[in-house]
Protein backbone atom coordinates (compact mmCIF):
# COMPACT_ATOMS: atom_id res chain seq x y z
CA MET A 1 -81.17 -52.46 -21.28
CA SER A 2 -83.07 -54.33 -18.62
CA VAL A 3 -80.18 -56.83 -18.36
CA PHE A 4 -77.70 -54.04 -17.57
CA CYS A 5 -80.10 -52.57 -15.00
CA GLY A 6 -80.38 -55.97 -13.36
CA LEU A 7 -76.60 -56.33 -13.23
CA GLU A 8 -76.26 -52.88 -11.72
CA CYS A 9 -78.80 -53.76 -9.05
CA VAL A 10 -76.93 -56.99 -8.22
CA VAL A 11 -73.62 -55.13 -7.99
CA CYS A 12 -75.14 -52.40 -5.82
CA LEU A 13 -76.73 -54.95 -3.52
CA GLY A 14 -73.46 -56.88 -3.25
CA CYS A 15 -71.47 -53.74 -2.46
CA SER A 16 -74.08 -52.62 0.06
CA ARG A 17 -73.99 -56.00 1.79
CA TRP A 18 -70.19 -55.94 1.94
CA ALA A 19 -70.15 -52.37 3.27
CA TRP A 20 -72.74 -53.22 5.92
CA LYS A 21 -70.80 -56.27 7.10
CA ARG A 22 -67.50 -54.40 7.26
CA LEU A 23 -68.82 -51.22 8.86
CA THR A 24 -70.80 -53.12 11.50
CA TYR A 25 -68.00 -55.56 12.35
CA ILE A 26 -66.79 -55.02 15.92
CA GLY A 27 -63.83 -56.44 17.77
CA ALA A 28 -66.03 -58.56 20.04
CA TYR A 29 -66.89 -60.82 17.10
CA ASP A 30 -63.31 -62.14 16.95
CA SER A 31 -63.69 -63.97 20.25
CA GLU A 32 -67.44 -64.49 20.62
CA SER A 33 -67.05 -68.29 20.46
CA TRP A 34 -64.09 -68.42 22.86
CA PRO A 35 -64.47 -69.57 26.48
CA PRO A 36 -63.96 -67.08 29.33
CA ALA A 37 -60.51 -66.83 30.86
CA ALA A 38 -59.83 -68.13 34.36
CA ALA A 39 -58.87 -65.64 37.06
CA GLU A 40 -55.74 -67.57 38.05
CA ASP A 41 -54.46 -67.53 34.46
CA PHE A 42 -55.21 -63.83 33.89
CA GLU A 43 -54.03 -62.67 37.31
CA PRO A 44 -50.48 -61.62 36.25
CA VAL A 45 -51.65 -59.44 33.35
CA PRO A 46 -52.55 -56.14 35.15
CA ARG A 47 -49.44 -56.43 37.31
CA ILE A 48 -47.21 -57.02 34.27
CA CYS A 49 -48.84 -54.05 32.52
CA ARG A 50 -47.85 -51.82 35.45
CA ILE A 51 -44.27 -53.11 35.32
CA VAL A 52 -44.05 -52.28 31.61
CA LEU A 53 -45.52 -48.84 32.37
CA ALA A 54 -42.74 -48.33 34.91
CA VAL A 55 -40.17 -48.56 32.10
CA TYR A 56 -41.31 -45.06 31.07
CA GLU A 57 -40.29 -43.65 34.46
CA HIS A 58 -36.83 -42.20 35.08
CA ASP A 59 -37.03 -42.64 38.85
CA LEU A 60 -39.35 -45.18 40.43
CA SER A 61 -38.91 -43.52 43.82
CA HIS A 62 -40.62 -40.39 42.41
CA PRO A 63 -42.96 -41.65 39.65
CA ARG A 64 -44.65 -39.15 37.37
CA TYR A 65 -47.13 -41.30 35.46
CA ALA A 66 -48.18 -43.88 38.05
CA PRO A 67 -51.74 -45.23 37.64
CA PRO A 68 -54.18 -45.10 40.59
CA GLY A 69 -52.75 -47.33 43.27
CA GLY A 70 -49.20 -46.95 41.95
CA TYR A 71 -47.05 -49.40 40.03
CA GLY A 72 -46.68 -51.74 42.97
CA LEU A 73 -42.94 -52.00 42.36
CA ASN A 74 -40.25 -52.03 45.02
CA PRO A 75 -37.42 -49.77 43.76
CA SER A 76 -34.87 -51.82 45.70
CA TRP A 77 -35.78 -54.88 43.62
CA LEU A 78 -34.86 -53.14 40.36
CA ILE A 79 -31.76 -54.89 39.03
CA LYS A 80 -31.03 -52.85 35.94
CA ARG A 81 -32.43 -50.02 33.86
CA VAL A 82 -31.23 -49.53 30.28
CA ASP A 83 -32.15 -46.36 28.35
CA TYR A 84 -31.66 -45.21 24.77
CA ASP A 85 -28.10 -44.01 25.42
CA GLN A 86 -27.05 -47.49 26.49
CA THR A 87 -28.92 -49.39 23.76
CA GLN A 88 -27.50 -47.06 21.06
CA GLY A 89 -30.77 -47.42 19.17
CA ARG A 90 -30.45 -51.20 18.80
CA CYS A 91 -33.60 -51.86 20.82
CA PRO A 92 -36.15 -49.99 22.98
CA PRO A 93 -35.32 -49.24 26.66
CA TYR A 94 -35.97 -51.98 29.17
CA ILE A 95 -35.65 -52.91 32.84
CA ILE A 96 -34.80 -56.10 34.73
CA TYR A 97 -36.83 -56.49 37.90
CA THR A 98 -37.07 -59.28 40.47
CA ASP A 99 -40.53 -59.65 42.01
CA HIS A 100 -39.79 -61.61 45.18
CA ASP A 101 -43.45 -61.63 46.21
CA HIS A 102 -44.47 -63.53 43.09
CA ARG A 103 -41.10 -65.23 42.48
CA GLU A 104 -40.56 -63.73 39.05
CA ILE A 105 -37.54 -62.41 37.18
CA ILE A 106 -39.00 -59.90 34.75
CA LEU A 107 -37.45 -58.25 31.71
CA ALA A 108 -39.89 -55.54 30.56
CA ILE A 109 -39.55 -53.56 27.31
CA ARG A 110 -41.30 -50.30 26.47
CA GLY A 111 -43.28 -49.62 23.33
CA LEU A 112 -42.67 -47.43 20.31
CA ASN A 113 -41.40 -43.91 20.95
CA LEU A 114 -42.83 -41.72 18.19
CA VAL A 115 -39.99 -39.18 18.46
CA ARG A 116 -37.14 -41.72 18.31
CA GLU A 117 -35.78 -42.56 14.86
CA SER A 118 -34.04 -45.65 16.25
CA ASP A 119 -37.40 -47.28 17.04
CA TYR A 120 -38.52 -46.73 13.47
CA GLU A 121 -35.27 -48.24 12.23
CA VAL A 122 -36.06 -51.43 14.14
CA LEU A 123 -39.51 -51.55 12.51
CA LEU A 124 -38.23 -50.73 9.04
CA ASP A 125 -35.54 -53.41 9.17
CA ASN A 126 -37.67 -56.08 7.59
CA ARG A 127 -38.61 -57.46 4.21
CA LEU A 128 -41.34 -60.03 3.72
CA GLY A 129 -39.82 -63.48 4.05
CA ARG A 130 -36.38 -62.13 4.82
CA GLN A 131 -35.75 -63.87 8.15
CA MET A 132 -36.47 -67.57 8.70
CA PHE A 133 -36.12 -68.89 12.23
CA ASP A 134 -36.95 -72.23 13.86
CA GLY A 135 -38.89 -73.49 10.86
CA GLY A 136 -40.95 -70.31 10.43
CA TYR A 137 -40.67 -66.63 9.54
CA VAL A 138 -40.18 -63.77 11.97
CA HIS A 139 -39.76 -60.01 11.78
CA HIS A 140 -36.09 -59.38 11.02
CA GLY A 141 -35.59 -56.13 12.94
CA LEU A 142 -37.40 -57.38 16.04
CA LEU A 143 -35.31 -60.55 16.03
CA LYS A 144 -32.10 -58.51 15.89
CA ALA A 145 -33.30 -56.38 18.81
CA ALA A 146 -34.20 -59.52 20.79
CA THR A 147 -30.80 -61.06 20.13
CA PHE A 148 -29.05 -57.82 21.08
CA ILE A 149 -30.78 -57.75 24.48
CA LEU A 150 -30.11 -61.41 25.19
CA GLU A 151 -26.46 -61.13 24.18
CA ARG A 152 -26.18 -58.19 26.54
CA GLU A 153 -28.20 -59.59 29.46
CA SER A 154 -27.82 -63.38 29.25
CA ASN A 155 -25.22 -63.43 32.03
CA THR A 156 -27.41 -61.31 34.30
CA LEU A 157 -30.48 -63.47 33.69
CA ARG A 158 -28.52 -66.67 34.16
CA GLN A 159 -27.07 -65.46 37.46
CA LEU A 160 -30.52 -64.42 38.74
CA VAL A 161 -32.02 -67.79 37.79
CA CYS A 162 -29.21 -69.66 39.56
CA GLU A 163 -29.21 -67.41 42.66
CA LEU A 164 -32.98 -67.20 43.21
CA GLY A 165 -33.63 -70.86 42.47
CA PRO A 166 -35.60 -72.94 39.94
CA GLU A 167 -38.97 -72.09 41.52
CA ASN A 168 -38.68 -68.54 40.16
CA LYS A 169 -40.23 -67.79 36.77
CA LEU A 170 -38.44 -66.00 33.95
CA VAL A 171 -40.88 -63.49 32.46
CA PHE A 172 -40.49 -61.40 29.30
CA ALA A 173 -43.00 -58.61 28.75
CA GLY A 174 -43.46 -55.73 26.36
CA HIS A 175 -45.99 -53.39 24.79
CA SER A 176 -46.45 -52.75 21.05
CA LEU A 177 -42.93 -52.69 19.57
CA GLY A 178 -41.58 -54.18 22.80
CA SER A 179 -44.09 -57.03 22.66
CA GLY A 180 -42.59 -58.35 19.44
CA VAL A 181 -39.09 -58.15 20.89
CA ALA A 182 -40.21 -59.93 24.08
CA ALA A 183 -41.96 -62.70 22.12
CA LEU A 184 -38.91 -63.44 19.98
CA MET A 185 -36.66 -63.33 23.05
CA THR A 186 -38.91 -65.99 24.57
CA VAL A 187 -38.57 -68.21 21.50
CA ILE A 188 -34.77 -67.96 21.67
CA VAL A 189 -34.63 -68.67 25.42
CA VAL A 190 -36.99 -71.66 25.16
CA ASN A 191 -34.74 -73.18 22.49
CA HIS A 192 -31.55 -72.45 24.45
CA ARG A 193 -32.50 -72.94 28.08
CA ASP A 194 -29.04 -74.33 28.83
CA GLN A 195 -27.75 -70.76 28.43
CA PHE A 196 -30.09 -69.60 31.22
CA GLY A 197 -29.43 -72.01 34.06
CA SER A 198 -31.29 -74.91 32.39
CA ILE A 199 -34.59 -73.38 33.49
CA ALA A 200 -37.68 -75.51 32.83
CA ARG A 201 -39.88 -74.59 29.88
CA ASN A 202 -42.97 -74.20 32.06
CA GLN A 203 -41.10 -71.59 34.13
CA ILE A 204 -40.68 -69.30 31.10
CA HIS A 205 -43.53 -66.90 30.31
CA CYS A 206 -44.09 -64.02 27.92
CA TYR A 207 -46.80 -61.35 28.05
CA ALA A 208 -47.12 -59.52 24.74
CA ILE A 209 -49.40 -56.53 25.39
CA ALA A 210 -51.07 -55.03 22.30
CA PRO A 211 -48.81 -57.35 20.28
CA ALA A 212 -47.26 -56.69 16.93
CA ARG A 213 -47.47 -59.37 14.25
CA CYS A 214 -43.99 -60.81 14.53
CA MET A 215 -44.02 -64.53 13.65
CA SER A 216 -45.60 -66.96 11.20
CA LEU A 217 -48.66 -68.98 12.17
CA ASN A 218 -46.83 -72.23 12.88
CA LEU A 219 -44.57 -70.48 15.41
CA ALA A 220 -47.47 -68.54 16.94
CA VAL A 221 -49.25 -71.83 17.71
CA LYS A 222 -46.11 -73.77 18.62
CA TYR A 223 -45.16 -71.40 21.45
CA ALA A 224 -48.70 -70.77 22.72
CA ASP A 225 -47.86 -72.57 25.96
CA VAL A 226 -45.30 -69.92 26.93
CA ILE A 227 -46.40 -66.74 25.07
CA ASN A 228 -49.59 -64.86 25.99
CA SER A 229 -50.94 -61.98 23.89
CA ILE A 230 -53.31 -59.45 25.45
CA VAL A 231 -55.60 -57.50 23.10
CA LEU A 232 -58.10 -54.80 24.10
CA GLN A 233 -61.30 -54.84 22.03
CA ASP A 234 -60.62 -53.11 18.67
CA ASP A 235 -56.83 -52.66 18.80
CA PHE A 236 -55.57 -52.27 15.23
CA LEU A 237 -52.01 -53.64 15.56
CA PRO A 238 -52.71 -57.38 16.17
CA ARG A 239 -55.23 -57.33 13.31
CA THR A 240 -53.24 -55.53 10.64
CA PRO A 241 -51.38 -57.92 8.32
CA THR A 242 -49.69 -55.00 6.61
CA PRO A 243 -45.94 -55.01 7.42
CA LEU A 244 -45.07 -52.85 10.42
CA GLU A 245 -42.82 -50.64 8.36
CA ASN A 246 -45.79 -49.64 6.19
CA ILE A 247 -48.05 -49.02 9.18
CA PHE A 248 -45.74 -46.68 11.02
CA GLY A 249 -44.41 -45.18 7.82
CA SER A 250 -47.93 -43.84 7.25
CA ILE A 251 -48.75 -43.15 10.91
CA PHE A 252 -50.23 -39.75 10.06
CA CYS A 253 -52.68 -41.31 7.64
CA LEU A 254 -53.36 -44.46 9.64
CA PRO A 255 -57.18 -44.40 9.21
CA CYS A 256 -56.79 -44.30 5.43
CA LEU A 257 -54.33 -47.19 5.52
CA LEU A 258 -56.57 -49.29 7.77
CA PHE A 259 -59.54 -48.71 5.46
CA PHE A 260 -57.46 -49.77 2.45
CA VAL A 261 -56.18 -52.88 4.23
CA CYS A 262 -59.73 -53.72 5.28
CA MET A 263 -60.92 -53.59 1.67
CA LYS A 264 -57.94 -55.58 0.39
CA ASP A 265 -58.20 -58.39 2.93
CA THR A 266 -61.91 -58.81 2.30
CA PHE A 267 -61.13 -60.27 -1.13
CA ILE A 268 -58.37 -62.64 0.08
CA PRO A 269 -59.73 -66.14 0.84
CA GLU A 270 -59.05 -67.53 4.32
CA ARG A 271 -57.38 -70.60 2.86
CA ARG A 272 -54.93 -68.46 0.91
CA LYS A 273 -53.97 -66.60 4.08
CA LEU A 274 -53.30 -69.85 5.91
CA LYS A 275 -51.16 -71.15 3.04
CA ASP A 276 -48.88 -68.11 3.06
CA PRO A 277 -45.81 -69.16 5.11
CA ARG A 278 -44.52 -65.57 5.30
CA ARG A 279 -47.67 -64.02 6.70
CA LEU A 280 -46.97 -62.82 10.23
CA TYR A 281 -49.35 -63.13 13.18
CA ALA A 282 -49.71 -62.04 16.79
CA PRO A 283 -47.93 -64.66 18.91
CA GLY A 284 -49.11 -67.32 21.32
CA ARG A 285 -52.33 -67.71 23.30
CA MET A 286 -54.75 -64.81 22.90
CA TYR A 287 -56.52 -63.00 25.74
CA HIS A 288 -59.19 -60.68 24.35
CA ILE A 289 -60.63 -58.02 26.66
CA VAL A 290 -64.15 -57.13 25.44
CA GLU A 291 -65.95 -54.07 26.81
CA ARG A 292 -68.18 -52.75 23.98
CA LYS A 293 -71.11 -54.27 22.15
CA PHE A 294 -72.80 -53.72 18.81
CA CYS A 295 -75.19 -50.74 18.70
CA ARG A 296 -74.65 -50.11 22.42
CA CYS A 297 -73.21 -46.84 23.69
CA GLY A 298 -70.49 -46.62 26.31
CA ARG A 299 -68.24 -49.19 27.92
CA PHE A 300 -69.57 -52.27 29.69
CA PRO A 301 -67.98 -54.32 32.47
CA PRO A 302 -65.03 -55.93 30.68
CA GLU A 303 -64.86 -59.66 30.18
CA VAL A 304 -61.87 -61.69 29.00
CA LYS A 305 -62.05 -64.47 26.41
CA THR A 306 -59.11 -66.76 25.67
CA ALA A 307 -58.13 -69.33 23.06
CA ILE A 308 -55.31 -70.51 20.83
CA PRO A 309 -56.92 -69.71 17.47
CA VAL A 310 -55.51 -71.03 14.22
CA ASP A 311 -57.94 -69.96 11.49
CA GLY A 312 -59.60 -66.57 11.98
CA ARG A 313 -56.77 -65.38 14.20
CA PHE A 314 -57.64 -61.66 14.44
CA GLU A 315 -57.74 -61.38 10.65
CA HIS A 316 -60.38 -58.67 10.32
CA VAL A 317 -59.45 -55.01 10.71
CA VAL A 318 -62.09 -53.19 12.77
CA LEU A 319 -63.15 -49.82 11.37
CA SER A 320 -63.66 -48.19 14.76
CA CYS A 321 -62.86 -44.84 16.32
CA ASN A 322 -61.31 -46.86 19.19
CA ALA A 323 -58.91 -48.81 16.98
CA THR A 324 -55.97 -46.65 18.05
CA SER A 325 -57.06 -45.71 21.59
CA ASP A 326 -57.41 -49.41 22.48
CA HIS A 327 -53.70 -49.73 21.75
CA GLY A 328 -52.78 -47.54 24.72
CA LEU A 329 -51.06 -49.34 27.58
CA VAL A 330 -52.78 -47.19 30.22
CA TRP A 331 -56.23 -48.24 28.98
CA ILE A 332 -55.21 -51.89 28.73
CA GLU A 333 -53.92 -51.91 32.32
CA ARG A 334 -57.07 -50.24 33.60
CA GLU A 335 -59.51 -52.54 31.82
CA ALA A 336 -57.46 -55.64 32.62
CA GLN A 337 -57.59 -54.80 36.33
CA LYS A 338 -61.36 -54.21 36.15
CA ALA A 339 -61.84 -57.55 34.38
CA LEU A 340 -59.70 -59.37 36.94
CA ASP A 341 -61.64 -57.83 39.84
CA LEU A 342 -64.91 -58.98 38.25
CA MET A 343 -63.52 -62.51 37.78
CA LYS A 344 -62.56 -62.70 41.43
CA GLU A 345 -65.95 -61.38 42.57
CA SER A 346 -67.82 -63.94 40.48
CA ALA A 347 -65.69 -66.83 41.69
CA GLU A 348 -67.29 -68.92 44.42
CA ARG A 349 -63.99 -69.24 46.27
CA PRO A 350 -60.97 -66.97 45.92
CA THR A 351 -58.56 -69.92 45.87
CA PRO A 352 -59.62 -73.04 43.94
CA PRO A 353 -58.65 -76.44 45.35
CA ALA A 354 -55.45 -78.11 44.15
CA GLN A 355 -57.41 -80.68 42.15
CA GLN A 356 -59.20 -77.92 40.22
CA ILE A 357 -55.88 -76.17 39.49
CA MET A 358 -54.40 -79.44 38.19
CA SER A 359 -57.46 -79.99 35.99
CA ARG A 360 -57.07 -76.46 34.60
CA LYS A 361 -53.40 -77.08 33.76
CA GLN A 362 -54.31 -80.30 31.96
CA SER A 363 -57.01 -78.52 29.97
CA LEU A 364 -54.51 -75.84 28.89
CA LYS A 365 -52.12 -78.55 27.68
CA ARG A 366 -54.96 -80.28 25.85
CA GLU A 367 -55.99 -77.01 24.20
CA HIS A 368 -52.42 -76.41 23.02
CA ARG A 369 -52.26 -79.95 21.60
CA ASP A 370 -55.59 -79.46 19.83
CA ALA A 371 -54.33 -76.19 18.31
CA LEU A 372 -51.22 -77.92 16.98
CA GLU A 373 -53.36 -80.66 15.46
CA ARG A 374 -55.68 -78.04 13.95
CA ALA A 375 -52.73 -76.29 12.32
CA VAL A 376 -51.57 -79.60 10.80
CA SER A 377 -55.08 -80.43 9.55
CA LEU A 378 -55.32 -77.02 7.85
CA ASN A 379 -51.97 -77.64 6.14
CA VAL A 380 -50.38 -74.57 7.71
CA PRO A 381 -46.82 -74.38 6.28
CA HIS A 382 -44.16 -75.87 8.59
CA ALA A 383 -46.74 -76.79 11.25
CA ILE A 384 -45.74 -79.77 13.42
CA SER A 385 -47.91 -82.32 15.19
CA PRO A 386 -48.02 -82.62 19.00
CA THR A 387 -45.93 -85.80 18.77
CA GLU A 388 -43.18 -83.99 16.88
CA GLU A 389 -43.40 -81.06 19.31
CA SER A 390 -42.94 -83.29 22.37
CA THR A 391 -40.03 -85.00 20.66
CA ALA A 392 -38.43 -81.62 20.00
CA VAL A 393 -38.79 -80.68 23.69
CA VAL A 394 -37.13 -83.92 24.80
CA VAL A 395 -34.30 -83.40 22.33
CA SER A 396 -33.90 -79.83 23.59
CA CYS A 397 -33.58 -81.09 27.20
CA SER A 398 -30.94 -83.60 26.22
CA HIS A 399 -29.05 -80.81 24.43
CA ALA A 400 -28.52 -79.06 27.75
CA GLU A 401 -26.60 -82.11 28.97
CA ASN A 402 -24.44 -82.56 25.89
CA GLN A 403 -23.25 -79.56 23.87
CA GLU A 404 -21.91 -81.62 20.98
CA GLU A 405 -25.19 -83.46 20.64
CA MET A 406 -27.00 -80.09 20.73
CA ALA A 407 -25.00 -78.75 17.80
CA THR A 408 -25.61 -81.88 15.72
CA SER A 409 -29.35 -81.98 16.44
CA SER A 410 -29.69 -78.26 15.72
CA LYS A 411 -28.42 -78.74 12.20
CA SER A 412 -30.53 -81.82 11.51
CA GLY A 413 -33.70 -80.58 13.22
CA GLY A 414 -33.80 -77.10 11.70
CA LYS A 415 -33.32 -75.29 15.03
CA THR A 416 -31.17 -72.23 15.25
CA ASN A 417 -28.16 -72.67 17.53
CA TRP A 418 -27.48 -69.81 19.97
CA ASP A 419 -23.88 -69.33 18.84
CA GLU A 420 -24.87 -69.58 15.17
CA LEU A 421 -27.63 -67.01 15.65
CA VAL A 422 -25.32 -64.54 17.40
CA LYS A 423 -22.63 -65.13 14.78
CA LYS A 424 -25.15 -64.51 12.01
CA LEU A 425 -26.60 -61.30 13.44
CA PHE A 426 -23.48 -59.78 14.96
CA THR A 427 -19.83 -59.21 14.20
CA ARG A 428 -17.07 -58.10 16.55
CA SER A 429 -15.44 -54.73 16.05
CA GLN A 430 -11.74 -54.04 16.58
CA SER A 431 -12.48 -53.01 20.16
CA GLY A 432 -14.11 -56.40 20.82
CA HIS A 433 -17.70 -55.15 21.08
CA LEU A 434 -20.60 -56.83 19.26
CA VAL A 435 -21.84 -54.78 16.30
CA LEU A 436 -24.92 -55.44 14.21
CA LYS A 437 -24.11 -56.47 10.66
CA LYS A 438 -25.26 -54.16 7.91
CA ASP A 439 -26.24 -56.71 5.29
CA ILE A 440 -27.94 -59.95 6.28
CA HIS A 441 -29.55 -62.15 3.67
C-alpha cells in the first residue's frame, strides 16, 4: 500500500512540476539568450507594417484605419491594387508600391479575412508532406498562391526593377496568411532572379509579420539572409506546429486547441522534432519584440532580440491571454515603432560610421553561416553546409547568363525551374488563361 502511495506522490509531483513550467512559460523565454537587434537592421519594420496595413484601405487618399501619424504612403506612388474580385480567391489582396524615398519596390499582401471562404481554401489546401520544393517541404496552398501572384505580376516587377535601377530593393511583405505567401514568393524569386531583371540576391528582402509556419527547417535557415520574421511577444501562430488548416478550422475553440497542442508537444523530444523533414517552421531570421515580463503587470518599454535559431525555434506554445492579441498587425506596428524609437534614443550617434556598418554586415553573414553549420551538425534533413550554399548561389548566377545551363543544373541540383513550377501548378484553359490544377500530387 505504501508503494502505491509513493508512486502516486511521484506522479503528482511530476504533473505539478510540468504544469508549473508550462503555465509560467512566457514568450520572452524564447529569445532571452539572443542579442539585441541593431536599429539600422530593424528600421524598415514599422514602415513595412504600415504599408501592409494600407492594403486594407480602399482609397489611400481618404484612409479610414490609418494609425497615428498616418501610413506615410504617397498615393501617387501606388502602382497597382488587386482585390478579391481580381484574384478570384486564388490569393489574398495585395498592392505594388514604389517607395522612392527608400528606393524600394514593395509587394505587400494582407492577412487572413475571417469572412472570406477563399482565404480558408488557401489554408486548407495542404497535406503534411504534400509539397516538396527546393530540397525541403512547404505549405502547398501558400506556394500556389505565391506562384499565382508571381505569374500575374512578374512582368510588372521586372519592368520596375529595370526602370528604377539595380540600386532599388525588391521587398515582399505580408501579415499572417500573407506572410507565408510573401516568404514563398521570395524563395521563388531568389532562385529565378533572371526572371526579375537579374536583381542581386542582397537586394531582395522579405518581411513576414506574425508569420505562419510555411517551410521546413532547412529552408527556413537557408533563406535567413533574405527573409525576416517579426514576432510580438506571445503570438500563437509562429509557435503552433499544428497544420494551419487545423488551427483555423477550429478558430472558435482556439484556446482549447492551443492547450492540447501544448500538452502534446511537451512529450515530443527536441531531437525528434528536428529529424522530422515535414515539420514546418516560421521562415528566416527572427526578430522578437518583447514587452512583458514574468510576474510583472502591464507592458514595459519594448526591446527587440534577433537571431537565426535552429533548435528551439519558437517551439513552445505560450498559454497566455495575449496569444491572439499579439497577432494583431496594429499592435505589432505600434510596438515596433516604440522599440525603434528607443533604439535610436539609446544609440550614441544616429548614423554609425561606414566601417561600423560594414562590420555589422559581416557579422550578419557570419551568423547566417554559423546557423547553416549548426543545422548540418544537428543532422537536420536536407540541410546544406555554407560551402554548398555558396556554390548554389554561384551556379544560380551563371544560370542567368545561360538558360540551357540553368535547366540542366536545375534538374541535377534539385532546384525547381520557374517554367517547371508554373507548368506543375497551372494549366491553360481554352481561353488561354492560367488556371490552378485541381489535383496535384
